[in-house]
């Protein structure tokens, strides 16, 4: 106790003598709050590895519109050839309304549903933009929260990791 009284005498303690442990605890708490998404992601991956369960958001579906069926098939084949997806659906014609250069446009389009790893979405999007005939291709992605575990595992096995 003598060492403690030399560092922080009783009168100073009553006035709020600084406590390194309190500052350290606050720093650790702040780091945990700031790193919680990272820690949560690591915890989910560890849980998935141990239990074999799916980590929501590991895979995504990218939606890509194309002018016609031939362009859709060409883009789908190119995506598959580069192993950027495990599966591509080519959906039949749909009607689309949109504003382009200030005017309301109406057209028919073909929709691609591209199943891939979420980590590949950036590369997939860049590649599609490089080969797509539209000035601004319609490419959006949605993370997969749940699904058939065997199918989701199959996607992971057929799209190489980064």
Protein backbone atom coordinates (compact mmCIF):
# COMPACT_ATOMS: atom_id res chain seq x y z
CA UNK A 1 0.00 0.00 0.00
CA UNK A 2 2.97 2.31 0.54
CA UNK A 3 3.71 2.35 -3.21
CA UNK A 4 0.12 3.37 -3.94
CA UNK A 5 0.16 6.19 -1.40
CA UNK A 6 3.37 7.57 -2.92
CA UNK A 7 1.89 7.69 -6.46
CA UNK A 8 -1.50 8.95 -5.45
CA UNK A 9 -1.72 10.33 -1.94
CA UNK A 10 -5.11 10.15 -0.26
CA UNK A 11 -5.99 13.84 -0.56
CA UNK A 12 -5.29 13.73 -4.33
CA UNK A 13 -7.32 10.53 -4.64
CA UNK A 14 -10.32 12.32 -3.23
CA UNK A 15 -9.81 15.01 -5.91
CA UNK A 16 -9.77 12.50 -8.77
CA UNK A 17 -6.21 11.23 -9.10
CA UNK A 18 -5.80 9.88 -12.64
CA UNK A 19 -6.07 6.12 -12.90
CA UNK A 20 -4.24 4.52 -15.82
CA UNK A 21 -6.50 1.45 -15.61
CA UNK A 22 -9.60 3.58 -16.31
CA UNK A 23 -7.97 5.16 -19.38
CA UNK A 24 -6.84 1.77 -20.64
CA UNK A 25 -10.31 0.32 -20.16
CA UNK A 26 -11.87 3.23 -22.08
CA UNK A 27 -9.34 2.82 -24.90
CA UNK A 28 -10.05 -0.91 -25.13
CA UNK A 29 -13.81 -0.25 -25.11
CA UNK A 30 -13.46 2.39 -27.86
CA UNK A 31 -11.37 0.01 -30.00
CA UNK A 32 -13.92 -2.76 -29.54
CA UNK A 33 -16.75 -0.47 -30.65
CA UNK A 34 -14.77 0.74 -33.68
CA UNK A 35 -13.69 -2.76 -34.63
CA UNK A 36 -17.01 -4.47 -33.90
CA UNK A 37 -17.95 -5.02 -37.59
CA UNK A 38 -14.55 -6.60 -38.19
CA UNK A 39 -14.77 -8.68 -35.03
CA UNK A 40 -18.35 -9.67 -35.87
CA UNK A 41 -17.25 -10.77 -39.34
CA UNK A 42 -14.41 -12.83 -37.92
CA UNK A 43 -16.74 -14.38 -35.36
CA UNK A 44 -19.24 -15.32 -38.09
CA UNK A 45 -16.50 -16.88 -40.23
CA UNK A 46 -15.20 -18.86 -37.26
CA UNK A 47 -18.74 -20.00 -36.39
CA UNK A 48 -19.32 -20.97 -40.02
CA UNK A 49 -16.08 -22.96 -40.16
CA UNK A 50 -16.90 -24.81 -36.94
CA UNK A 51 -20.60 -25.48 -37.60
CA UNK A 52 -20.65 -25.57 -41.39
CA UNK A 53 -23.35 -22.85 -41.45
CA UNK A 54 -23.60 -20.05 -44.01
CA UNK A 55 -22.29 -16.56 -43.30
CA UNK A 56 -24.92 -14.11 -44.63
CA UNK A 57 -23.56 -11.87 -47.35
CA UNK A 58 -20.74 -14.21 -48.43
CA UNK A 59 -22.38 -14.53 -51.84
CA UNK A 60 -24.35 -12.06 -53.93
CA UNK A 61 -26.67 -11.89 -56.90
CA UNK A 62 -25.79 -9.27 -59.49
CA UNK A 63 -28.58 -8.08 -61.76
CA UNK A 64 -27.48 -6.94 -65.22
CA UNK A 65 -29.76 -5.72 -67.99
CA UNK A 66 -28.97 -6.28 -71.67
CA UNK A 67 -30.43 -4.93 -74.90
CA UNK A 68 -31.24 -8.32 -76.42
CA UNK A 69 -30.81 -12.05 -75.93
CA UNK A 70 -27.63 -12.36 -78.02
CA UNK A 71 -25.84 -9.66 -76.00
CA UNK A 72 -27.09 -11.29 -72.80
CA UNK A 73 -25.73 -14.69 -73.88
CA UNK A 74 -22.39 -13.18 -74.93
CA UNK A 75 -21.98 -11.37 -71.60
CA UNK A 76 -23.09 -14.43 -69.61
CA UNK A 77 -20.60 -16.65 -71.46
CA UNK A 78 -17.79 -14.11 -70.97
CA UNK A 79 -18.55 -13.93 -67.22
CA UNK A 80 -18.47 -17.72 -66.97
CA UNK A 81 -15.28 -18.01 -69.04
CA UNK A 82 -13.52 -15.66 -66.59
CA UNK A 83 -14.90 -17.69 -63.62
CA UNK A 84 -16.50 -14.57 -62.15
CA UNK A 85 -19.72 -16.45 -61.41
CA UNK A 86 -20.94 -19.93 -60.69
CA UNK A 87 -24.34 -19.52 -62.30
CA UNK A 88 -26.06 -17.05 -64.64
CA UNK A 89 -29.79 -17.02 -65.38
CA UNK A 90 -30.91 -15.31 -68.58
CA UNK A 91 -34.48 -14.14 -68.04
CA UNK A 92 -36.76 -13.38 -71.00
CA UNK A 93 -37.81 -9.97 -72.19
CA UNK A 94 -39.11 -7.45 -69.71
CA UNK A 95 -40.41 -3.95 -70.22
CA UNK A 96 -38.36 -1.09 -68.83
CA UNK A 97 -39.13 2.58 -68.26
CA UNK A 98 -36.30 4.96 -67.42
CA UNK A 99 -35.05 8.50 -67.85
CA UNK A 100 -32.17 8.91 -70.28
CA UNK A 101 -30.70 12.33 -71.04
CA UNK A 102 -33.80 14.03 -69.67
CA UNK A 103 -36.31 12.00 -71.68
CA UNK A 104 -38.58 9.18 -70.59
CA UNK A 105 -37.61 6.04 -72.51
CA UNK A 106 -39.34 2.69 -72.85
CA UNK A 107 -37.66 -0.50 -74.05
CA UNK A 108 -37.49 -4.24 -73.68
CA UNK A 109 -34.48 -5.78 -71.99
CA UNK A 110 -33.09 -9.16 -71.00
CA UNK A 111 -32.11 -9.61 -67.34
CA UNK A 112 -29.10 -11.58 -66.15
CA UNK A 113 -29.07 -12.96 -62.59
CA UNK A 114 -25.42 -13.59 -61.77
CA UNK A 115 -24.63 -15.71 -58.68
CA UNK A 116 -21.13 -15.14 -57.33
CA UNK A 117 -18.99 -14.40 -54.30
CA UNK A 118 -19.57 -10.95 -52.82
CA UNK A 119 -15.80 -10.41 -52.94
CA UNK A 120 -15.98 -10.71 -56.76
CA UNK A 121 -18.65 -8.04 -57.30
CA UNK A 122 -16.15 -5.22 -57.97
CA UNK A 123 -14.19 -7.27 -60.50
CA UNK A 124 -17.41 -8.55 -62.08
CA UNK A 125 -18.82 -5.03 -62.40
CA UNK A 126 -15.60 -3.68 -63.93
CA UNK A 127 -15.48 -6.53 -66.43
CA UNK A 128 -19.11 -6.15 -67.47
CA UNK A 129 -18.64 -2.39 -67.96
CA UNK A 130 -15.66 -3.12 -70.22
CA UNK A 131 -17.67 -5.40 -72.56
CA UNK A 132 -21.23 -4.07 -72.27
CA UNK A 133 -22.56 -1.99 -75.20
CA UNK A 134 -24.54 0.40 -72.97
CA UNK A 135 -22.89 3.71 -72.10
CA UNK A 136 -23.93 3.16 -68.47
CA UNK A 137 -24.75 -0.53 -67.92
CA UNK A 138 -27.36 -1.36 -65.29
CA UNK A 139 -25.40 -3.48 -62.79
CA UNK A 140 -26.59 -3.80 -59.20
CA UNK A 141 -25.91 -6.48 -56.62
CA UNK A 142 -27.71 -7.79 -53.58
CA UNK A 143 -26.08 -9.87 -50.85
CA UNK A 144 -27.58 -13.31 -50.25
CA UNK A 145 -28.76 -13.54 -46.65
CA UNK A 146 -29.97 -17.16 -46.72
CA UNK A 147 -30.56 -19.98 -49.16
CA UNK A 148 -30.07 -23.66 -49.78
CA UNK A 149 -26.81 -24.37 -47.91
CA UNK A 150 -25.67 -26.91 -50.50
CA UNK A 151 -26.28 -24.46 -53.37
CA UNK A 152 -24.45 -21.66 -51.55
CA UNK A 153 -21.55 -24.00 -50.85
CA UNK A 154 -21.54 -24.96 -54.54
CA UNK A 155 -21.25 -21.28 -55.54
CA UNK A 156 -18.22 -20.96 -53.27
CA UNK A 157 -16.62 -24.05 -54.78
CA UNK A 158 -17.09 -22.78 -58.35
CA UNK A 159 -15.94 -19.18 -57.99
CA UNK A 160 -12.28 -18.94 -57.00
CA UNK A 161 -11.41 -16.85 -53.96
CA UNK A 162 -9.55 -13.61 -54.47
